[in-house]
Amino acid sequence: DLTENRQHPSVERSGRSTRSPDLTGVTVMVVDDEPDACGLVRRIMED
């Protein structure tokens, strides 16, 4: 469910919630020969 990723869902860790870090300003290169897998990781990073 990529809509969850866009909202930066909280992750339960040891009974407390933490929000996903903000990657604004970070440049990421994704390397994968499977377009669907590559696109999914790209979406997570861009979100």
All heavy atoms as atom14 arrays in JSON, in Angstrom:
{
  "sequence": "DLTENRQHPSVERSGRSTRSPDLTGVTVMVVDDEPDACGLVRRIMED",
  "atom14_mask": [
    [1, 1, 1, 1, 1, 1, 1, 1, 0, 0, 0, 0, 0, 0],
    [1, 1, 1, 1, 1, 1, 1, 1, 0, 0, 0, 0, 0, 0],
    [1, 1, 1, 1, 1, 1, 1, 0, 0, 0, 0, 0, 0, 0],
    [1, 1, 1, 1, 1, 1, 1, 1, 1, 0, 0, 0, 0, 0],
    [1, 1, 1, 1, 1, 1, 1, 1, 0, 0, 0, 0, 0, 0],
    [1, 1, 1, 1, 1, 1, 1, 1, 1, 1, 1, 0, 0, 0],
    [1, 1, 1, 1, 1, 1, 1, 1, 1, 0, 0, 0, 0, 0],
    [1, 1, 1, 1, 1, 1, 1, 1, 1, 1, 0, 0, 0, 0],
    [1, 1, 1, 1, 1, 1, 1, 0, 0, 0, 0, 0, 0, 0],
    [1, 1, 1, 1, 1, 1, 0, 0, 0, 0, 0, 0, 0, 0],
    [1, 1, 1, 1, 1, 1, 1, 0, 0, 0, 0, 0, 0, 0],
    [1, 1, 1, 1, 1, 1, 1, 1, 1, 0, 0, 0, 0, 0],
    [1, 1, 1, 1, 1, 1, 1, 1, 1, 1, 1, 0, 0, 0],
    [1, 1, 1, 1, 1, 1, 0, 0, 0, 0, 0, 0, 0, 0],
    [1, 1, 1, 1, 0, 0, 0, 0, 0, 0, 0, 0, 0, 0],
    [1, 1, 1, 1, 1, 1, 1, 1, 1, 1, 1, 0, 0, 0],
    [1, 1, 1, 1, 1, 1, 0, 0, 0, 0, 0, 0, 0, 0],
    [1, 1, 1, 1, 1, 1, 1, 0, 0, 0, 0, 0, 0, 0],
    [1, 1, 1, 1, 1, 1, 1, 1, 1, 1, 1, 0, 0, 0],
    [1, 1, 1, 1, 1, 1, 0, 0, 0, 0, 0, 0, 0, 0],
    [1, 1, 1, 1, 1, 1, 1, 0, 0, 0, 0, 0, 0, 0],
    [1, 1, 1, 1, 1, 1, 1, 1, 0, 0, 0, 0, 0, 0],
    [1, 1, 1, 1, 1, 1, 1, 1, 0, 0, 0, 0, 0, 0],
    [1, 1, 1, 1, 1, 1, 1, 0, 0, 0, 0, 0, 0, 0],
    [1, 1, 1, 1, 0, 0, 0, 0, 0, 0, 0, 0, 0, 0],
    [1, 1, 1, 1, 1, 1, 1, 0, 0, 0, 0, 0, 0, 0],
    [1, 1, 1, 1, 1, 1, 1, 0, 0, 0, 0, 0, 0, 0],
    [1, 1, 1, 1, 1, 1, 1, 0, 0, 0, 0, 0, 0, 0],
    [1, 1, 1, 1, 1, 1, 1, 1, 0, 0, 0, 0, 0, 0],
    [1, 1, 1, 1, 1, 1, 1, 0, 0, 0, 0, 0, 0, 0],
    [1, 1, 1, 1, 1, 1, 1, 0, 0, 0, 0, 0, 0, 0],
    [1, 1, 1, 1, 1, 1, 1, 1, 0, 0, 0, 0, 0, 0],
    [1, 1, 1, 1, 1, 1, 1, 1, 0, 0, 0, 0, 0, 0],
    [1, 1, 1, 1, 1, 1, 1, 1, 1, 0, 0, 0, 0, 0],
    [1, 1, 1, 1, 1, 1, 1, 0, 0, 0, 0, 0, 0, 0],
    [1, 1, 1, 1, 1, 1, 1, 1, 0, 0, 0, 0, 0, 0],
    [1, 1, 1, 1, 1, 0, 0, 0, 0, 0, 0, 0, 0, 0],
    [1, 1, 1, 1, 1, 1, 0, 0, 0, 0, 0, 0, 0, 0],
    [1, 1, 1, 1, 0, 0, 0, 0, 0, 0, 0, 0, 0, 0],
    [1, 1, 1, 1, 1, 1, 1, 1, 0, 0, 0, 0, 0, 0],
    [1, 1, 1, 1, 1, 1, 1, 0, 0, 0, 0, 0, 0, 0],
    [1, 1, 1, 1, 1, 1, 1, 1, 1, 1, 1, 0, 0, 0],
    [1, 1, 1, 1, 1, 1, 1, 1, 1, 1, 1, 0, 0, 0],
    [1, 1, 1, 1, 1, 1, 1, 1, 0, 0, 0, 0, 0, 0],
    [1, 1, 1, 1, 1, 1, 1, 1, 0, 0, 0, 0, 0, 0],
    [1, 1, 1, 1, 1, 1, 1, 1, 1, 0, 0, 0, 0, 0],
    [1, 1, 1, 1, 1, 1, 1, 1, 0, 0, 0, 0, 0, 0]
  ],
  "atom14_positions": [
    [[0.84, -1.18, 0.0], [0.0, 0.0, 0.0], [0.88, 1.24, 0.0], [1.33, 1.71, 1.04], [-0.91, -0.01, 1.24], [-1.94, 1.1, 1.2], [-1.84, 1.96, 0.3], [-2.83, 1.1, 2.06], [0.0, 0.0, 0.0], [0.0, 0.0, 0.0], [0.0, 0.0, 0.0], [0.0, 0.0, 0.0], [0.0, 0.0, 0.0], [0.0, 0.0, 0.0]],
    [[1.12, 1.79, -1.19], [2.04, 2.91, -1.3], [1.45, 4.18, -0.68], [2.18, 5.11, -0.38], [2.38, 3.15, -2.77], [3.17, 2.02, -3.43], [3.44, 2.35, -4.89], [4.47, 1.76, -2.71], [0.0, 0.0, 0.0], [0.0, 0.0, 0.0], [0.0, 0.0, 0.0], [0.0, 0.0, 0.0], [0.0, 0.0, 0.0], [0.0, 0.0, 0.0]],
    [[0.12, 4.25, -0.51], [-0.45, 5.44, 0.1], [0.02, 5.58, 1.53], [0.19, 6.68, 2.04], [-2.0, 5.38, 0.08], [-2.42, 4.22, 0.79], [-2.5, 5.32, -1.35], [0.0, 0.0, 0.0], [0.0, 0.0, 0.0], [0.0, 0.0, 0.0], [0.0, 0.0, 0.0], [0.0, 0.0, 0.0], [0.0, 0.0, 0.0], [0.0, 0.0, 0.0]],
    [[0.28, 4.43, 2.18], [0.8, 4.49, 3.55], [2.18, 5.11, 3.56], [2.53, 5.9, 4.42], [0.86, 3.09, 4.16], [-0.51, 2.46, 4.38], [-0.38, 1.08, 4.98], [0.75, 0.7, 5.31], [-1.4, 0.4, 5.13], [0.0, 0.0, 0.0], [0.0, 0.0, 0.0], [0.0, 0.0, 0.0], [0.0, 0.0, 0.0], [0.0, 0.0, 0.0]],
    [[3.01, 4.77, 2.56], [4.37, 5.29, 2.52], [4.36, 6.8, 2.31], [5.2, 7.52, 2.85], [5.14, 4.62, 1.38], [5.28, 3.13, 1.59], [5.29, 2.67, 2.71], [5.36, 2.37, 0.5], [0.0, 0.0, 0.0], [0.0, 0.0, 0.0], [0.0, 0.0, 0.0], [0.0, 0.0, 0.0], [0.0, 0.0, 0.0], [0.0, 0.0, 0.0]],
    [[3.41, 7.3, 1.52], [3.37, 8.74, 1.25], [3.08, 9.52, 2.53], [3.46, 10.68, 2.65], [2.26, 9.04, 0.22], [2.55, 8.52, -1.15], [1.57, 9.13, -2.15], [1.45, 8.23, -3.3], [0.42, 7.42, -3.48], [-0.56, 7.39, -2.61], [0.37, 6.63, -4.53], [0.0, 0.0, 0.0], [0.0, 0.0, 0.0], [0.0, 0.0, 0.0]],
    [[2.4, 8.91, 3.46], [2.03, 9.6, 4.68], [3.08, 9.45, 5.78], [2.86, 9.89, 6.89], [0.69, 9.05, 5.19], [-0.46, 9.29, 4.2], [-1.68, 8.47, 4.56], [-1.7, 7.75, 5.55], [-2.72, 8.56, 3.74], [0.0, 0.0, 0.0], [0.0, 0.0, 0.0], [0.0, 0.0, 0.0], [0.0, 0.0, 0.0], [0.0, 0.0, 0.0]],
    [[4.2, 8.84, 5.45], [5.27, 8.61, 6.43], [4.71, 8.0, 7.71], [4.69, 8.62, 8.79], [5.98, 9.92, 6.77], [6.55, 10.59, 5.57], [7.6, 10.08, 4.87], [6.18, 11.72, 4.92], [7.88, 10.89, 3.85], [7.03, 11.87, 3.85], [0.0, 0.0, 0.0], [0.0, 0.0, 0.0], [0.0, 0.0, 0.0], [0.0, 0.0, 0.0]],
    [[4.19, 6.77, 7.65], [3.53, 6.17, 8.81], [4.48, 5.98, 9.97], [5.69, 5.84, 9.81], [3.06, 4.81, 8.28], [4.01, 4.49, 7.18], [4.33, 5.81, 6.54], [0.0, 0.0, 0.0], [0.0, 0.0, 0.0], [0.0, 0.0, 0.0], [0.0, 0.0, 0.0], [0.0, 0.0, 0.0], [0.0, 0.0, 0.0], [0.0, 0.0, 0.0]],
    [[3.92, 5.99, 11.15], [4.71, 5.73, 12.35], [5.1, 4.27, 12.39], [4.37, 3.4, 11.94], [3.9, 6.08, 13.6], [3.58, 7.46, 13.6], [0.0, 0.0, 0.0], [0.0, 0.0, 0.0], [0.0, 0.0, 0.0], [0.0, 0.0, 0.0], [0.0, 0.0, 0.0], [0.0, 0.0, 0.0], [0.0, 0.0, 0.0], [0.0, 0.0, 0.0]],
    [[6.26, 3.98, 12.93], [6.74, 2.62, 13.06], [6.81, 2.27, 14.54], [7.43, 2.99, 15.32], [8.13, 2.46, 12.41], [8.62, 1.03, 12.57], [8.08, 2.87, 10.95], [0.0, 0.0, 0.0], [0.0, 0.0, 0.0], [0.0, 0.0, 0.0], [0.0, 0.0, 0.0], [0.0, 0.0, 0.0], [0.0, 0.0, 0.0], [0.0, 0.0, 0.0]],
    [[6.16, 1.2, 14.92], [6.16, 0.8, 16.32], [7.5, 0.18, 16.69], [7.93, -0.78, 16.09], [5.04, -0.22, 16.58], [3.63, 0.36, 16.39], [3.3, 1.41, 17.41], [3.87, 1.33, 18.52], [2.51, 2.31, 17.12], [0.0, 0.0, 0.0], [0.0, 0.0, 0.0], [0.0, 0.0, 0.0], [0.0, 0.0, 0.0], [0.0, 0.0, 0.0]],
    [[8.17, 0.75, 17.62], [9.45, 0.23, 18.11], [9.42, 0.19, 19.63], [9.41, 1.23, 20.29], [10.61, 1.12, 17.66], [10.76, 1.21, 16.14], [11.47, 0.0, 15.6], [11.69, 0.14, 14.16], [12.27, -0.76, 13.4], [12.68, -1.88, 13.93], [12.43, -0.57, 12.11], [0.0, 0.0, 0.0], [0.0, 0.0, 0.0], [0.0, 0.0, 0.0]],
    [[9.39, -1.0, 20.19], [9.46, -1.19, 21.64], [8.42, -0.35, 22.37], [8.71, 0.31, 23.36], [10.87, -0.82, 22.15], [11.84, -1.6, 21.49], [0.0, 0.0, 0.0], [0.0, 0.0, 0.0], [0.0, 0.0, 0.0], [0.0, 0.0, 0.0], [0.0, 0.0, 0.0], [0.0, 0.0, 0.0], [0.0, 0.0, 0.0], [0.0, 0.0, 0.0]],
    [[7.19, -0.34, 21.84], [6.1, 0.3, 22.55], [5.95, 1.77, 22.29], [5.07, 2.42, 22.81], [0.0, 0.0, 0.0], [0.0, 0.0, 0.0], [0.0, 0.0, 0.0], [0.0, 0.0, 0.0], [0.0, 0.0, 0.0], [0.0, 0.0, 0.0], [0.0, 0.0, 0.0], [0.0, 0.0, 0.0], [0.0, 0.0, 0.0], [0.0, 0.0, 0.0]],
    [[6.84, 2.4, 21.49], [6.68, 3.82, 21.22], [6.79, 4.06, 19.72], [7.39, 3.3, 18.98], [7.73, 4.65, 21.97], [9.16, 4.29, 21.63], [10.14, 4.99, 22.58], [11.51, 4.65, 22.24], [12.23, 5.3, 21.34], [11.71, 6.29, 20.66], [13.48, 4.95, 21.09], [0.0, 0.0, 0.0], [0.0, 0.0, 0.0], [0.0, 0.0, 0.0]],
    [[6.16, 5.16, 19.25], [6.09, 5.43, 17.83], [7.17, 6.43, 17.44], [7.45, 7.4, 18.14], [4.71, 6.0, 17.46], [3.71, 5.05, 17.76], [0.0, 0.0, 0.0], [0.0, 0.0, 0.0], [0.0, 0.0, 0.0], [0.0, 0.0, 0.0], [0.0, 0.0, 0.0], [0.0, 0.0, 0.0], [0.0, 0.0, 0.0], [0.0, 0.0, 0.0]],
    [[7.77, 6.21, 16.29], [8.75, 7.15, 15.74], [8.39, 7.35, 14.27], [8.02, 6.42, 13.58], [10.18, 6.59, 15.84], [10.24, 5.33, 15.16], [10.6, 6.41, 17.28], [0.0, 0.0, 0.0], [0.0, 0.0, 0.0], [0.0, 0.0, 0.0], [0.0, 0.0, 0.0], [0.0, 0.0, 0.0], [0.0, 0.0, 0.0], [0.0, 0.0, 0.0]],
    [[8.52, 8.59, 13.81], [8.18, 8.89, 12.44], [9.4, 8.65, 11.55], [10.53, 8.76, 11.98], [7.71, 10.34, 12.31], [6.42, 10.61, 13.08], [5.94, 12.03, 12.84], [5.55, 12.23, 11.45], [4.37, 11.89, 10.96], [3.48, 11.3, 11.74], [4.07, 12.12, 9.7], [0.0, 0.0, 0.0], [0.0, 0.0, 0.0], [0.0, 0.0, 0.0]],
    [[9.14, 8.33, 10.28], [10.23, 8.09, 9.34], [11.02, 9.38, 9.15], [10.46, 10.47, 9.1], [9.66, 7.63, 7.99], [9.01, 6.39, 8.13], [0.0, 0.0, 0.0], [0.0, 0.0, 0.0], [0.0, 0.0, 0.0], [0.0, 0.0, 0.0], [0.0, 0.0, 0.0], [0.0, 0.0, 0.0], [0.0, 0.0, 0.0], [0.0, 0.0, 0.0]],
    [[12.35, 9.28, 8.99], [13.18, 10.47, 8.8], [12.83, 11.19, 7.5], [12.32, 10.59, 6.55], [14.6, 9.9, 8.74], [14.51, 8.56, 9.38], [13.14, 8.05, 9.07], [0.0, 0.0, 0.0], [0.0, 0.0, 0.0], [0.0, 0.0, 0.0], [0.0, 0.0, 0.0], [0.0, 0.0, 0.0], [0.0, 0.0, 0.0], [0.0, 0.0, 0.0]],
    [[13.1, 12.49, 7.47], [12.9, 13.29, 6.27], [14.19, 13.25, 5.45], [15.26, 13.58, 5.95], [12.56, 14.73, 6.68], [12.23, 15.6, 5.48], [12.28, 15.1, 4.33], [11.92, 16.79, 5.68], [0.0, 0.0, 0.0], [0.0, 0.0, 0.0], [0.0, 0.0, 0.0], [0.0, 0.0, 0.0], [0.0, 0.0, 0.0], [0.0, 0.0, 0.0]],
    [[14.09, 12.83, 4.18], [15.27, 12.72, 3.32], [15.42, 13.91, 2.37], [16.12, 13.81, 1.36], [15.2, 11.41, 2.51], [15.23, 10.11, 3.31], [15.24, 8.91, 2.38], [16.42, 10.06, 4.26], [0.0, 0.0, 0.0], [0.0, 0.0, 0.0], [0.0, 0.0, 0.0], [0.0, 0.0, 0.0], [0.0, 0.0, 0.0], [0.0, 0.0, 0.0]],
    [[14.77, 15.02, 2.68], [14.91, 16.21, 1.85], [16.39, 16.61, 1.77], [17.08, 16.7, 2.78], [14.1, 17.38, 2.43], [12.73, 16.99, 2.48], [14.25, 18.61, 1.56], [0.0, 0.0, 0.0], [0.0, 0.0, 0.0], [0.0, 0.0, 0.0], [0.0, 0.0, 0.0], [0.0, 0.0, 0.0], [0.0, 0.0, 0.0], [0.0, 0.0, 0.0]],
    [[16.87, 16.82, 0.54], [18.27, 17.18, 0.34], [19.19, 16.0, 0.12], [20.35, 16.16, -0.23], [0.0, 0.0, 0.0], [0.0, 0.0, 0.0], [0.0, 0.0, 0.0], [0.0, 0.0, 0.0], [0.0, 0.0, 0.0], [0.0, 0.0, 0.0], [0.0, 0.0, 0.0], [0.0, 0.0, 0.0], [0.0, 0.0, 0.0], [0.0, 0.0, 0.0]],
    [[18.67, 14.79, 0.31], [19.45, 13.57, 0.11], [19.25, 13.08, -1.33], [18.13, 13.06, -1.83], [19.03, 12.47, 1.1], [19.77, 11.16, 0.83], [19.27, 12.93, 2.54], [0.0, 0.0, 0.0], [0.0, 0.0, 0.0], [0.0, 0.0, 0.0], [0.0, 0.0, 0.0], [0.0, 0.0, 0.0], [0.0, 0.0, 0.0], [0.0, 0.0, 0.0]],
    [[20.33, 12.7, -1.98], [20.23, 12.13, -3.33], [20.52, 10.64, -3.26], [21.51, 10.22, -2.66], [21.22, 12.81, -4.3], [22.54, 12.7, -3.77], [20.87, 14.27, -4.5], [0.0, 0.0, 0.0], [0.0, 0.0, 0.0], [0.0, 0.0, 0.0], [0.0, 0.0, 0.0], [0.0, 0.0, 0.0], [0.0, 0.0, 0.0], [0.0, 0.0, 0.0]],
    [[19.65, 9.86, -3.87], [19.75, 8.4, -3.8], [19.79, 7.83, -5.21], [19.02, 8.25, -6.08], [18.55, 7.8, -3.03], [18.64, 6.27, -3.02], [18.5, 8.33, -1.6], [0.0, 0.0, 0.0], [0.0, 0.0, 0.0], [0.0, 0.0, 0.0], [0.0, 0.0, 0.0], [0.0, 0.0, 0.0], [0.0, 0.0, 0.0], [0.0, 0.0, 0.0]],
    [[20.68, 6.87, -5.42], [20.72, 6.14, -6.69], [20.28, 4.71, -6.4], [20.85, 4.03, -5.56], [22.13, 6.15, -7.29], [22.24, 5.36, -8.6], [23.89, 5.48, -9.35], [23.83, 7.15, -10.01], [0.0, 0.0, 0.0], [0.0, 0.0, 0.0], [0.0, 0.0, 0.0], [0.0, 0.0, 0.0], [0.0, 0.0, 0.0], [0.0, 0.0, 0.0]],
    [[19.25, 4.26, -7.12], [18.72, 2.91, -6.96], [19.17, 2.09, -8.16], [18.95, 2.48, -9.31], [17.18, 2.9, -6.87], [16.67, 1.48, -6.68], [16.72, 3.8, -5.73], [0.0, 0.0, 0.0], [0.0, 0.0, 0.0], [0.0, 0.0, 0.0], [0.0, 0.0, 0.0], [0.0, 0.0, 0.0], [0.0, 0.0, 0.0], [0.0, 0.0, 0.0]],
    [[19.78, 0.92, -7.9], [20.32, 0.08, -8.96], [19.64, -1.28, -8.91], [19.81, -2.04, -7.95], [21.85, -0.1, -8.83], [22.42, -0.8, -10.05], [22.54, 1.24, -8.61], [0.0, 0.0, 0.0], [0.0, 0.0, 0.0], [0.0, 0.0, 0.0], [0.0, 0.0, 0.0], [0.0, 0.0, 0.0], [0.0, 0.0, 0.0], [0.0, 0.0, 0.0]],
    [[18.84, -1.58, -9.94], [18.1, -2.85, -9.98], [17.69, -3.11, -11.42], [17.24, -2.19, -12.11], [16.85, -2.77, -9.08], [16.28, -4.15, -8.74], [16.31, -5.02, -9.62], [15.81, -4.32, -7.6], [0.0, 0.0, 0.0], [0.0, 0.0, 0.0], [0.0, 0.0, 0.0], [0.0, 0.0, 0.0], [0.0, 0.0, 0.0], [0.0, 0.0, 0.0]],
    [[17.85, -4.35, -11.88], [17.5, -4.66, -13.27], [16.03, -5.04, -13.44], [15.59, -5.32, -14.56], [18.4, -5.78, -13.83], [18.23, -7.11, -13.09], [17.64, -7.09, -11.99], [18.69, -8.14, -13.61], [0.0, 0.0, 0.0], [0.0, 0.0, 0.0], [0.0, 0.0, 0.0], [0.0, 0.0, 0.0], [0.0, 0.0, 0.0], [0.0, 0.0, 0.0]],
    [[15.27, -5.04, -12.34], [13.83, -5.28, -12.42], [13.11, -3.94, -12.29], [13.1, -3.34, -11.21], [13.38, -6.24, -11.32], [13.93, -7.65, -11.49], [13.41, -8.58, -10.42], [12.58, -8.14, -9.6], [13.85, -9.75, -10.4], [0.0, 0.0, 0.0], [0.0, 0.0, 0.0], [0.0, 0.0, 0.0], [0.0, 0.0, 0.0], [0.0, 0.0, 0.0]],
    [[12.48, -3.46, -13.37], [11.87, -2.12, -13.36], [10.84, -1.93, -12.25], [10.79, -0.87, -11.62], [11.22, -2.02, -14.75], [12.01, -2.95, -15.61], [12.4, -4.09, -14.71], [0.0, 0.0, 0.0], [0.0, 0.0, 0.0], [0.0, 0.0, 0.0], [0.0, 0.0, 0.0], [0.0, 0.0, 0.0], [0.0, 0.0, 0.0], [0.0, 0.0, 0.0]],
    [[10.01, -2.95, -11.98], [8.98, -2.81, -10.95], [9.59, -2.64, -9.57], [9.16, -1.78, -8.78], [8.04, -4.02, -10.96], [7.14, -4.05, -12.18], [7.03, -3.01, -12.86], [6.57, -5.11, -12.47], [0.0, 0.0, 0.0], [0.0, 0.0, 0.0], [0.0, 0.0, 0.0], [0.0, 0.0, 0.0], [0.0, 0.0, 0.0], [0.0, 0.0, 0.0]],
    [[10.59, -3.46, -9.27], [11.25, -3.37, -7.96], [11.98, -2.03, -7.84], [11.94, -1.38, -6.79], [12.23, -4.53, -7.8], [0.0, 0.0, 0.0], [0.0, 0.0, 0.0], [0.0, 0.0, 0.0], [0.0, 0.0, 0.0], [0.0, 0.0, 0.0], [0.0, 0.0, 0.0], [0.0, 0.0, 0.0], [0.0, 0.0, 0.0], [0.0, 0.0, 0.0]],
    [[12.63, -1.63, -8.92], [13.36, -0.36, -8.93], [12.4, 0.8, -8.69], [12.67, 1.72, -7.91], [14.09, -0.21, -10.27], [15.36, 1.07, -10.3], [0.0, 0.0, 0.0], [0.0, 0.0, 0.0], [0.0, 0.0, 0.0], [0.0, 0.0, 0.0], [0.0, 0.0, 0.0], [0.0, 0.0, 0.0], [0.0, 0.0, 0.0], [0.0, 0.0, 0.0]],
    [[11.25, 0.75, -9.37], [10.26, 1.81, -9.23], [9.67, 1.89, -7.84], [9.39, 2.98, -7.33], [0.0, 0.0, 0.0], [0.0, 0.0, 0.0], [0.0, 0.0, 0.0], [0.0, 0.0, 0.0], [0.0, 0.0, 0.0], [0.0, 0.0, 0.0], [0.0, 0.0, 0.0], [0.0, 0.0, 0.0], [0.0, 0.0, 0.0], [0.0, 0.0, 0.0]],
    [[9.5, 0.73, -7.19], [8.94, 0.71, -5.85], [9.9, 1.33, -4.84], [9.5, 2.14, -3.99], [8.6, -0.72, -5.45], [7.89, -0.92, -4.1], [6.64, -0.06, -4.01], [7.54, -2.38, -3.89], [0.0, 0.0, 0.0], [0.0, 0.0, 0.0], [0.0, 0.0, 0.0], [0.0, 0.0, 0.0], [0.0, 0.0, 0.0], [0.0, 0.0, 0.0]],
    [[11.18, 0.98, -4.92], [12.18, 1.57, -4.01], [12.29, 3.07, -4.27], [12.4, 3.88, -3.34], [13.55, 0.88, -4.18], [14.61, 1.58, -3.33], [13.46, -0.59, -3.78], [0.0, 0.0, 0.0], [0.0, 0.0, 0.0], [0.0, 0.0, 0.0], [0.0, 0.0, 0.0], [0.0, 0.0, 0.0], [0.0, 0.0, 0.0], [0.0, 0.0, 0.0]],
    [[12.23, 3.44, -5.56], [12.28, 4.87, -5.89], [11.12, 5.61, -5.24], [11.3, 6.7, -4.67], [12.24, 5.05, -7.41], [12.15, 6.51, -7.83], [12.2, 6.66, -9.33], [12.32, 8.07, -9.69], [12.81, 8.52, -10.83], [13.24, 7.67, -11.74], [12.87, 9.82, -11.06], [0.0, 0.0, 0.0], [0.0, 0.0, 0.0], [0.0, 0.0, 0.0]],
    [[9.93, 5.02, -5.3], [8.75, 5.66, -4.73], [8.9, 5.85, -3.22], [8.54, 6.9, -2.67], [7.53, 4.8, -5.04], [6.18, 5.39, -4.62], [5.88, 6.66, -5.42], [4.49, 7.02, -5.29], [3.51, 6.54, -6.05], [3.78, 5.65, -7.0], [2.28, 6.95, -5.89], [0.0, 0.0, 0.0], [0.0, 0.0, 0.0], [0.0, 0.0, 0.0]],
    [[9.43, 4.84, -2.56], [9.63, 4.94, -1.1], [10.58, 6.07, -0.77], [10.34, 6.86, 0.15], [10.16, 3.6, -0.55], [9.09, 2.5, -0.66], [10.6, 3.75, 0.9], [9.62, 1.11, -0.39], [0.0, 0.0, 0.0], [0.0, 0.0, 0.0], [0.0, 0.0, 0.0], [0.0, 0.0, 0.0], [0.0, 0.0, 0.0], [0.0, 0.0, 0.0]],
    [[11.66, 6.18, -1.52], [12.65, 7.22, -1.27], [12.08, 8.61, -1.57], [12.27, 9.56, -0.81], [13.9, 6.98, -2.13], [14.71, 5.75, -1.75], [15.47, 5.86, -0.1], [14.37, 4.78, 0.83], [0.0, 0.0, 0.0], [0.0, 0.0, 0.0], [0.0, 0.0, 0.0], [0.0, 0.0, 0.0], [0.0, 0.0, 0.0], [0.0, 0.0, 0.0]],
    [[11.36, 8.74, -2.68], [10.79, 10.03, -3.05], [9.7, 10.45, -2.06], [9.58, 11.65, -1.75], [10.22, 9.97, -4.46], [11.29, 9.92, -5.54], [10.73, 9.84, -6.94], [9.56, 9.43, -7.1], [11.47, 10.18, -7.89], [0.0, 0.0, 0.0], [0.0, 0.0, 0.0], [0.0, 0.0, 0.0], [0.0, 0.0, 0.0], [0.0, 0.0, 0.0]],
    [[8.92, 9.49, -1.56], [7.9, 9.82, -0.57], [8.51, 10.34, 0.72], [7.85, 11.06, 1.47], [7.03, 8.59, -0.28], [6.09, 8.26, -1.43], [5.9, 9.13, -2.3], [5.55, 7.14, -1.46], [0.0, 0.0, 0.0], [0.0, 0.0, 0.0], [0.0, 0.0, 0.0], [0.0, 0.0, 0.0], [0.0, 0.0, 0.0], [0.0, 0.0, 0.0]]
  ]
}
